[in-house]
Amino acid sequence: MKNLKSKIRLATFLIGISVLLFAQCTMDGIEPIDNKLAVIDEIINTESSQENLRRSDQNQLLAEMRRLTAKYQRLEIAEADGYILDREHCVAHPELGGMGHHAPNFGIVDGEYDVFQPEVLVYEPMENGKMKLVAIEYVIMADLWSQETPPMFGEVEFDFVPANPMGLPFDNYQLHVWIWKHNPSGMYAPFNPTVSCL
């Protein structure tokens, strides 16, 4: 019994000495943990602030495009401004969803990019026979694009789409922006699973 108590005291003493030595070793020449946490917080807050600014700028751009295109909820206004609705073709994919009917303004489809003037409006057919504006689309002829990098919608890079018989007959940069209908696949995805061609 006496031997057991001695062993316990010795073990307790050794553990205490080890803790003190370890604490001293870790504190000598090492920055306190509070300073490290402060630096980490500063980095996180700076990155979050920059990301929030980018998101804020992007959201402002989206809001501005909604404001500028709100009038095109009325198809007759879009047509008066040069957009021609393709009533014959409603674009859809069996797995990805739909795009809808495209209404391009051929007068502005070129190698220039004006963020405030989309080349195409995209409409979804409604059961009552009317068309509902669901997205805008930018289309830029790649051969006429003068920049070395693809066009950008704020922070979002356009997709390069080669000429093909099912789409446009020329290489192009394009980007769908679903500002008038929520897209579960993403604001800038080409197809929207909630869009139907009826």
C-alpha atoms as a PDB file:
ATOM      1  CA  MET A   1       0.000   0.000   0.000  1.00  0.00           C
ATOM      2  CA  LYS A   2       2.830   2.365   0.978  1.00  0.00           C
ATOM      3  CA  ASN A   3       4.653   1.415  -2.225  1.00  0.00           C
ATOM      4  CA  LEU A   4       1.562   2.237  -4.351  1.00  0.00           C
ATOM      5  CA  LYS A   5       1.197   5.693  -2.719  1.00  0.00           C
ATOM      6  CA  SER A   6       4.852   6.442  -3.421  1.00  0.00           C
ATOM      7  CA  LYS A   7       4.451   5.479  -7.064  1.00  0.00           C
ATOM      8  CA  ILE A   8       1.369   7.700  -7.415  1.00  0.00           C
ATOM      9  CA  ARG A   9       3.207  10.662  -5.819  1.00  0.00           C
ATOM     10  CA  LEU A  10       6.216  10.118  -8.076  1.00  0.00           C
ATOM     11  CA  ALA A  11       4.011   9.884 -11.185  1.00  0.00           C
ATOM     12  CA  THR A  12       2.123  13.044 -10.192  1.00  0.00           C
ATOM     13  CA  PHE A  13       5.415  14.885  -9.574  1.00  0.00           C
ATOM     14  CA  LEU A  14       6.845  13.787 -12.941  1.00  0.00           C
ATOM     15  CA  ILE A  15       3.675  14.779 -14.794  1.00  0.00           C
ATOM     16  CA  GLY A  16       3.738  18.195 -13.095  1.00  0.00           C
ATOM     17  CA  ILE A  17       7.398  18.753 -14.032  1.00  0.00           C
ATOM     18  CA  SER A  18       6.695  17.640 -17.629  1.00  0.00           C
ATOM     19  CA  VAL A  19       3.810  20.070 -17.948  1.00  0.00           C
ATOM     20  CA  LEU A  20       5.920  22.945 -16.616  1.00  0.00           C
ATOM     21  CA  LEU A  21       8.839  22.119 -18.904  1.00  0.00           C
ATOM     22  CA  PHE A  22       6.563  21.749 -21.937  1.00  0.00           C
ATOM     23  CA  ALA A  23       4.806  25.024 -21.157  1.00  0.00           C
ATOM     24  CA  GLN A  24       8.140  26.814 -20.799  1.00  0.00           C
ATOM     25  CA  CYS A  25       9.472  25.322 -24.047  1.00  0.00           C
ATOM     26  CA  THR A  26       6.415  26.301 -26.018  1.00  0.00           C
ATOM     27  CA  MET A  27       6.354  29.843 -24.652  1.00  0.00           C
ATOM     28  CA  ASP A  28      10.057  30.669 -25.203  1.00  0.00           C
ATOM     29  CA  GLY A  29      10.542  32.460 -28.515  1.00  0.00           C
ATOM     30  CA  ILE A  30       7.058  31.621 -29.747  1.00  0.00           C
ATOM     31  CA  GLU A  31       4.381  34.155 -30.442  1.00  0.00           C
ATOM     32  CA  PRO A  32       1.380  33.906 -28.099  1.00  0.00           C
ATOM     33  CA  ILE A  33      -1.606  32.055 -29.572  1.00  0.00           C
ATOM     34  CA  ASP A  34      -3.786  35.183 -29.255  1.00  0.00           C
ATOM     35  CA  ASN A  35      -1.528  37.001 -31.742  1.00  0.00           C
ATOM     36  CA  LYS A  36      -1.779  34.121 -34.210  1.00  0.00           C
ATOM     37  CA  LEU A  37      -5.560  34.030 -33.883  1.00  0.00           C
ATOM     38  CA  ALA A  38      -5.711  37.788 -34.465  1.00  0.00           C
ATOM     39  CA  VAL A  39      -3.667  37.431 -37.676  1.00  0.00           C
ATOM     40  CA  ILE A  40      -5.895  34.575 -38.890  1.00  0.00           C
ATOM     41  CA  ASP A  41      -9.031  36.617 -38.118  1.00  0.00           C
ATOM     42  CA  GLU A  42      -7.596  39.581 -40.027  1.00  0.00           C
ATOM     43  CA  ILE A  43      -6.852  37.416 -43.080  1.00  0.00           C
ATOM     44  CA  ILE A  44     -10.314  35.852 -43.012  1.00  0.00           C
ATOM     45  CA  ASN A  45     -12.033  39.216 -42.545  1.00  0.00           C
ATOM     46  CA  THR A  46     -10.008  40.815 -45.360  1.00  0.00           C
ATOM     47  CA  GLU A  47     -10.776  37.948 -47.754  1.00  0.00           C
ATOM     48  CA  SER A  48     -14.446  37.965 -46.709  1.00  0.00           C
ATOM     49  CA  SER A  49     -14.646  41.724 -47.210  1.00  0.00           C
ATOM     50  CA  GLN A  50     -13.108  41.468 -50.674  1.00  0.00           C
ATOM     51  CA  GLU A  51     -15.426  38.582 -51.578  1.00  0.00           C
ATOM     52  CA  ASN A  52     -18.422  40.520 -50.256  1.00  0.00           C
ATOM     53  CA  LEU A  53     -17.390  43.541 -52.340  1.00  0.00           C
ATOM     54  CA  ARG A  54     -17.120  41.335 -55.431  1.00  0.00           C
ATOM     55  CA  ARG A  55     -20.503  39.789 -54.691  1.00  0.00           C
ATOM     56  CA  SER A  56     -21.951  43.213 -54.011  1.00  0.00           C
ATOM     57  CA  ASP A  57     -20.641  44.544 -57.341  1.00  0.00           C
ATOM     58  CA  GLN A  58     -21.953  41.468 -59.157  1.00  0.00           C
ATOM     59  CA  ASN A  59     -25.358  41.789 -57.474  1.00  0.00           C
ATOM     60  CA  GLN A  60     -25.522  45.467 -58.426  1.00  0.00           C
ATOM     61  CA  LEU A  61     -24.801  44.536 -62.038  1.00  0.00           C
ATOM     62  CA  LEU A  62     -27.565  41.910 -61.970  1.00  0.00           C
ATOM     63  CA  ALA A  63     -29.992  44.413 -60.436  1.00  0.00           C
ATOM     64  CA  GLU A  64     -29.106  46.990 -63.094  1.00  0.00           C
ATOM     65  CA  MET A  65     -29.735  44.463 -65.870  1.00  0.00           C
ATOM     66  CA  ARG A  66     -33.123  43.624 -64.357  1.00  0.00           C
ATOM     67  CA  ARG A  67     -33.962  47.320 -64.300  1.00  0.00           C
ATOM     68  CA  LEU A  68     -32.847  47.844 -67.908  1.00  0.00           C
ATOM     69  CA  THR A  69     -34.673  44.790 -69.271  1.00  0.00           C
ATOM     70  CA  ALA A  70     -37.884  45.024 -67.218  1.00  0.00           C
ATOM     71  CA  LYS A  71     -39.646  46.714 -70.138  1.00  0.00           C
ATOM     72  CA  TYR A  72     -39.036  43.580 -72.233  1.00  0.00           C
ATOM     73  CA  GLN A  73     -41.510  41.654 -70.110  1.00  0.00           C
ATOM     74  CA  ARG A  74     -43.812  43.061 -72.779  1.00  0.00           C
ATOM     75  CA  LEU A  75     -42.796  41.269 -75.961  1.00  0.00           C
ATOM     76  CA  GLU A  76     -44.117  44.044 -78.199  1.00  0.00           C
ATOM     77  CA  ILE A  77     -41.613  46.477 -76.669  1.00  0.00           C
ATOM     78  CA  ALA A  78     -38.770  44.005 -77.268  1.00  0.00           C
ATOM     79  CA  GLU A  79     -39.872  43.618 -80.891  1.00  0.00           C
ATOM     80  CA  ALA A  80     -40.079  47.402 -81.315  1.00  0.00           C
ATOM     81  CA  ASP A  81     -36.469  47.598 -80.080  1.00  0.00           C
ATOM     82  CA  GLY A  82     -35.257  45.114 -82.710  1.00  0.00           C
ATOM     83  CA  TYR A  83     -35.510  41.768 -80.904  1.00  0.00           C
ATOM     84  CA  ILE A  84     -37.088  39.097 -83.137  1.00  0.00           C
ATOM     85  CA  LEU A  85     -38.690  36.173 -81.313  1.00  0.00           C
ATOM     86  CA  ASP A  86     -38.109  32.744 -82.850  1.00  0.00           C
ATOM     87  CA  ARG A  87     -41.580  31.328 -82.235  1.00  0.00           C
ATOM     88  CA  GLU A  88     -40.804  28.079 -84.067  1.00  0.00           C
ATOM     89  CA  HIS A  89     -37.967  26.821 -81.883  1.00  0.00           C
ATOM     90  CA  CYS A  90     -38.035  26.343 -78.146  1.00  0.00           C
ATOM     91  CA  VAL A  91     -34.633  25.082 -77.005  1.00  0.00           C
ATOM     92  CA  ALA A  92     -34.667  22.271 -74.443  1.00  0.00           C
ATOM     93  CA  HIS A  93     -32.494  19.365 -73.348  1.00  0.00           C
ATOM     94  CA  PRO A  94     -34.010  16.105 -72.016  1.00  0.00           C
ATOM     95  CA  GLU A  95     -31.678  16.024 -69.002  1.00  0.00           C
ATOM     96  CA  LEU A  96     -30.570  19.625 -68.415  1.00  0.00           C
ATOM     97  CA  GLY A  97     -33.880  21.435 -68.824  1.00  0.00           C
ATOM     98  CA  GLY A  98     -34.910  24.236 -71.122  1.00  0.00           C
ATOM     99  CA  MET A  99     -33.743  27.572 -72.390  1.00  0.00           C
ATOM    100  CA  GLY A 100     -36.904  28.684 -74.090  1.00  0.00           C
ATOM    101  CA  HIS A 101     -37.525  30.793 -77.191  1.00  0.00           C
ATOM    102  CA  HIS A 102     -34.698  33.110 -78.185  1.00  0.00           C
ATOM    103  CA  ALA A 103     -35.289  36.648 -79.416  1.00  0.00           C
ATOM    104  CA  PRO A 104     -32.020  37.913 -80.915  1.00  0.00           C
ATOM    105  CA  ASN A 105     -31.370  41.452 -82.006  1.00  0.00           C
ATOM    106  CA  PHE A 106     -29.248  40.743 -85.096  1.00  0.00           C
ATOM    107  CA  GLY A 107     -28.337  44.415 -85.418  1.00  0.00           C
ATOM    108  CA  ILE A 108     -26.118  44.165 -82.342  1.00  0.00           C
ATOM    109  CA  VAL A 109     -24.688  40.643 -82.770  1.00  0.00           C
ATOM    110  CA  ASP A 110     -21.074  41.434 -83.618  1.00  0.00           C
ATOM    111  CA  GLY A 111     -17.638  41.451 -82.013  1.00  0.00           C
ATOM    112  CA  GLU A 112     -18.480  44.208 -79.550  1.00  0.00           C
ATOM    113  CA  TYR A 113     -19.643  43.763 -75.968  1.00  0.00           C
ATOM    114  CA  ASP A 114     -21.948  46.198 -74.235  1.00  0.00           C
ATOM    115  CA  VAL A 115     -22.898  44.798 -70.847  1.00  0.00           C
ATOM    116  CA  PHE A 116     -26.001  46.999 -70.810  1.00  0.00           C
ATOM    117  CA  GLN A 117     -27.331  45.750 -74.153  1.00  0.00           C
ATOM    118  CA  PRO A 118     -27.756  41.962 -74.350  1.00  0.00           C
ATOM    119  CA  GLU A 119     -27.888  40.539 -77.852  1.00  0.00           C
ATOM    120  CA  VAL A 120     -30.645  38.044 -77.016  1.00  0.00           C
ATOM    121  CA  LEU A 121     -33.721  37.923 -74.792  1.00  0.00           C
ATOM    122  CA  VAL A 122     -34.988  34.492 -73.751  1.00  0.00           C
ATOM    123  CA  TYR A 123     -38.694  33.782 -73.251  1.00  0.00           C
ATOM    124  CA  GLU A 124     -40.569  30.826 -71.796  1.00  0.00           C
ATOM    125  CA  PRO A 125     -43.952  29.887 -73.291  1.00  0.00           C
ATOM    126  CA  MET A 126     -46.851  30.020 -70.837  1.00  0.00           C
ATOM    127  CA  GLU A 127     -49.949  27.827 -70.884  1.00  0.00           C
ATOM    128  CA  ASN A 128     -52.085  30.866 -71.779  1.00  0.00           C
ATOM    129  CA  GLY A 129     -50.054  31.322 -74.978  1.00  0.00           C
ATOM    130  CA  LYS A 130     -48.090  34.328 -73.767  1.00  0.00           C
ATOM    131  CA  MET A 131     -44.325  34.545 -73.505  1.00  0.00           C
ATOM    132  CA  LYS A 132     -42.545  35.326 -70.242  1.00  0.00           C
ATOM    133  CA  LEU A 133     -39.066  36.870 -70.168  1.00  0.00           C
ATOM    134  CA  VAL A 134     -36.813  34.539 -68.161  1.00  0.00           C
ATOM    135  CA  ALA A 135     -33.226  35.378 -69.136  1.00  0.00           C
ATOM    136  CA  ILE A 136     -30.911  37.549 -71.146  1.00  0.00           C
ATOM    137  CA  GLU A 137     -28.096  36.202 -73.263  1.00  0.00           C
ATOM    138  CA  TYR A 138     -24.927  37.790 -74.537  1.00  0.00           C
ATOM    139  CA  VAL A 139     -23.522  36.571 -77.868  1.00  0.00           C
ATOM    140  CA  ILE A 140     -20.250  37.862 -79.278  1.00  0.00           C
ATOM    141  CA  MET A 141     -18.731  36.703 -82.550  1.00  0.00           C
ATOM    142  CA  ALA A 142     -15.395  35.178 -81.515  1.00  0.00           C
ATOM    143  CA  ASP A 143     -13.614  35.988 -84.794  1.00  0.00           C
ATOM    144  CA  LEU A 144     -14.413  39.676 -84.324  1.00  0.00           C
ATOM    145  CA  TRP A 145     -13.592  39.826 -80.604  1.00  0.00           C
ATOM    146  CA  SER A 146     -10.438  41.944 -80.285  1.00  0.00           C
ATOM    147  CA  GLN A 147      -9.369  41.042 -76.741  1.00  0.00           C
ATOM    148  CA  GLU A 148      -6.997  38.209 -75.853  1.00  0.00           C
ATOM    149  CA  THR A 149      -9.218  37.010 -73.015  1.00  0.00           C
ATOM    150  CA  PRO A 150     -12.910  36.081 -73.180  1.00  0.00           C
ATOM    151  CA  PRO A 151     -15.493  38.727 -72.303  1.00  0.00           C
ATOM    152  CA  MET A 152     -16.606  38.968 -68.688  1.00  0.00           C
ATOM    153  CA  PHE A 153     -19.978  39.750 -67.130  1.00  0.00           C
ATOM    154  CA  GLY A 154     -18.590  41.309 -63.971  1.00  0.00           C
ATOM    155  CA  GLU A 155     -16.677  38.400 -62.426  1.00  0.00           C
ATOM    156  CA  VAL A 156     -18.141  35.734 -64.739  1.00  0.00           C
ATOM    157  CA  GLU A 157     -16.336  34.623 -67.883  1.00  0.00           C
ATOM    158  CA  PHE A 158     -18.321  33.918 -71.047  1.00  0.00           C
ATOM    159  CA  ASP A 159     -18.407  30.393 -72.501  1.00  0.00           C
ATOM    160  CA  PHE A 160     -16.716  29.749 -75.835  1.00  0.00           C
ATOM    161  CA  VAL A 161     -19.092  27.897 -78.164  1.00  0.00           C
ATOM    162  CA  PRO A 162     -17.842  26.636 -81.544  1.00  0.00           C
ATOM    163  CA  ALA A 163     -20.024  26.939 -84.632  1.00  0.00           C
ATOM    164  CA  ASN A 164     -22.454  24.041 -84.885  1.00  0.00           C
ATOM    165  CA  PRO A 165     -25.548  23.092 -86.893  1.00  0.00           C
ATOM    166  CA  MET A 166     -27.733  22.948 -83.766  1.00  0.00           C
ATOM    167  CA  GLY A 167     -26.689  26.421 -82.632  1.00  0.00           C
ATOM    168  CA  LEU A 168     -25.074  29.441 -84.186  1.00  0.00           C
ATOM    169  CA  PRO A 169     -23.189  29.113 -87.487  1.00  0.00           C
ATOM    170  CA  PHE A 170     -20.137  30.992 -86.135  1.00  0.00           C
ATOM    171  CA  ASP A 171     -17.710  30.574 -83.234  1.00  0.00           C
ATOM    172  CA  ASN A 172     -18.927  32.730 -80.392  1.00  0.00           C
ATOM    173  CA  TYR A 173     -18.686  33.701 -76.777  1.00  0.00           C
ATOM    174  CA  GLN A 174     -21.986  33.518 -74.978  1.00  0.00           C
ATOM    175  CA  LEU A 175     -23.472  33.760 -71.533  1.00  0.00           C
ATOM    176  CA  HIS A 176     -26.996  33.211 -70.264  1.00  0.00           C
ATOM    177  CA  VAL A 177     -28.015  35.277 -67.253  1.00  0.00           C
ATOM    178  CA  TRP A 178     -31.217  34.072 -65.538  1.00  0.00           C
ATOM    179  CA  ILE A 179     -32.291  37.371 -64.004  1.00  0.00           C
ATOM    180  CA  TRP A 180     -36.012  36.804 -64.509  1.00  0.00           C
ATOM    181  CA  LYS A 181     -36.379  33.186 -63.364  1.00  0.00           C
ATOM    182  CA  HIS A 182     -34.547  31.267 -60.662  1.00  0.00           C
ATOM    183  CA  ASN A 183     -32.226  28.631 -62.089  1.00  0.00           C
ATOM    184  CA  PRO A 184     -31.346  25.770 -59.706  1.00  0.00           C
ATOM    185  CA  SER A 185     -28.383  24.978 -61.980  1.00  0.00           C
ATOM    186  CA  GLY A 186     -26.934  28.451 -61.413  1.00  0.00           C
ATOM    187  CA  MET A 187     -27.479  32.036 -62.490  1.00  0.00           C
ATOM    188  CA  TYR A 188     -25.166  31.607 -65.515  1.00  0.00           C
ATOM    189  CA  ALA A 189     -25.900  28.016 -66.580  1.00  0.00           C
ATOM    190  CA  PRO A 190     -27.103  27.638 -70.190  1.00  0.00           C
ATOM    191  CA  PHE A 191     -30.081  25.427 -69.304  1.00  0.00           C
ATOM    192  CA  ASN A 192     -32.676  25.847 -66.586  1.00  0.00           C
ATOM    193  CA  PRO A 193     -34.443  22.708 -65.295  1.00  0.00           C
ATOM    194  CA  THR A 194     -37.509  24.771 -64.359  1.00  0.00           C
ATOM    195  CA  VAL A 195     -38.053  26.053 -67.916  1.00  0.00           C
ATOM    196  CA  SER A 196     -40.531  24.123 -70.025  1.00  0.00           C
ATOM    197  CA  CYS A 197     -41.324  24.250 -73.720  1.00  0.00           C
ATOM    198  CA  LEU A 198     -44.783  22.846 -72.843  1.00  0.00           C
END
